[in-house]
Protein backbone atom coordinates (compact mmCIF):
# COMPACT_ATOMS: atom_id res chain seq x y z
CA MET A 1 158.24 71.25 44.45
CA LEU A 2 161.40 72.42 42.76
CA ASN A 3 163.33 75.03 44.73
CA LEU A 4 165.18 77.19 42.23
CA TRP A 5 166.95 79.13 44.98
CA ARG A 6 168.71 76.12 46.48
CA LYS A 7 172.38 75.96 45.69
CA SER A 8 173.81 72.68 44.56
CA PRO A 9 176.19 71.04 47.02
CA PRO A 10 179.85 71.98 46.67
CA PRO A 11 182.02 69.54 44.77
CA PRO A 12 184.11 67.16 46.86
CA PRO A 13 187.58 68.42 47.72
CA PRO A 14 190.46 67.25 45.55
CA PRO A 15 192.62 64.47 46.98
CA HIS A 16 195.26 65.51 49.48
CA LYS A 17 198.62 66.27 47.92
CA PRO A 18 201.43 65.30 50.28
CA GLN A 19 203.56 68.21 51.44
CA ALA A 20 207.09 68.35 52.82
CA ALA A 21 207.52 66.22 55.94
CA ALA A 22 207.75 69.25 58.24
CA VAL A 23 204.52 70.69 56.81
CA GLU A 24 202.70 67.37 57.21
CA SER A 25 203.94 67.15 60.81
CA HIS A 26 202.68 70.66 61.59
CA LEU A 27 199.31 69.93 59.97
CA LYS A 28 198.97 66.76 62.04
CA THR A 29 199.78 68.71 65.21
CA PHE A 30 197.25 71.38 64.22
CA ASP A 31 194.58 68.71 63.69
CA THR A 32 195.35 67.07 67.05
CA LEU A 33 195.22 70.37 68.91
CA ASP A 34 191.89 71.39 67.40
CA PHE A 35 190.00 68.15 66.91
CA ASP A 36 191.16 66.36 70.06
CA VAL A 37 192.71 68.73 72.61
CA PHE A 38 190.41 71.76 72.15
CA SER A 39 187.20 69.92 71.27
CA ASN A 40 187.62 67.49 74.17
CA GLN A 41 188.93 70.11 76.61
CA LYS A 42 192.23 68.32 77.29
CA TRP A 43 193.82 71.48 78.65
CA ASP A 44 196.84 69.74 80.18
CA ARG A 45 197.91 68.77 76.65
CA LEU A 46 198.15 72.39 75.45
CA LYS A 47 201.56 72.58 77.09
CA GLU A 48 202.83 70.03 74.56
CA ASN A 49 202.79 72.69 71.82
CA HIS A 50 202.36 76.04 73.59
CA SER A 51 205.12 77.88 75.42
CA GLU A 52 204.67 79.00 79.03
CA ASN A 53 204.84 82.65 77.94
CA ILE A 54 202.43 82.39 74.99
CA VAL A 55 200.73 85.63 73.92
CA VAL A 56 197.24 85.16 72.47
CA THR A 57 195.46 87.88 70.50
CA TRP A 58 191.71 87.32 70.60
CA PRO A 59 189.30 88.28 67.79
CA ASP A 60 188.21 91.39 69.70
CA GLY A 61 191.86 92.54 69.79
CA HIS A 62 192.66 92.01 73.47
CA GLU A 63 195.76 90.01 74.39
CA THR A 64 196.45 87.54 77.14
CA LYS A 65 199.87 86.38 78.28
CA GLY A 66 200.85 83.00 79.66
CA ILE A 67 199.63 79.45 79.15
CA GLU A 68 197.60 79.34 82.37
CA THR A 69 195.67 82.50 81.41
CA HIS A 70 195.09 81.05 77.94
CA ILE A 71 193.73 77.83 79.44
CA GLU A 72 191.40 79.73 81.77
CA ASP A 73 190.08 81.74 78.81
CA LEU A 74 189.48 78.55 76.83
CA LYS A 75 187.65 76.98 79.77
CA ALA A 76 185.40 80.05 79.87
CA LEU A 77 184.40 79.50 76.24
CA PHE A 78 182.97 76.12 77.22
CA VAL A 79 180.98 77.63 80.10
CA PHE A 80 179.33 79.96 77.59
CA ALA A 81 178.99 77.35 74.81
CA PRO A 82 179.56 73.82 76.18
CA ASP A 83 179.04 72.08 72.83
CA ILE A 84 181.91 73.79 71.00
CA ALA A 85 183.77 71.36 68.77
CA ILE A 86 186.06 71.94 65.84
CA LYS A 87 185.07 69.61 63.02
CA GLU A 88 186.95 71.13 60.08
CA HIS A 89 189.66 73.68 59.48
CA PRO A 90 188.01 76.35 57.30
CA ILE A 91 191.28 77.59 55.81
CA LEU A 92 192.35 74.08 54.82
CA ALA A 93 188.86 73.29 53.55
CA SER A 94 188.88 76.45 51.45
CA ALA A 95 192.33 75.62 50.11
CA ARG A 96 191.13 72.14 49.18
CA VAL A 97 188.10 73.52 47.35
CA HIS A 98 190.31 75.94 45.45
CA GLY A 99 192.91 73.30 44.63
CA HIS A 100 195.73 74.53 46.85
CA ARG A 101 196.03 71.47 49.08
């Protein structure tokens, strides 16, 4: 049966356009932090790119201060939802679809 309500799949993203070296380095760090460190709960590695006095503003608007508090909050996310894993960066994916990256 033909489903007229089904949307066709989105087109593939355009090929990556290399950016300035500093931008590429930051994007690589961002990927590592999300895809490896966060998704695999490698909390000791957060200190590689987060300062000791980091201030984090959460989606509900509350703030936490300090890397150890941030790590404890992240650990709590995995108690609530143990299968959390970042598989794609939505902003970058959107930019790719719209031809910006």
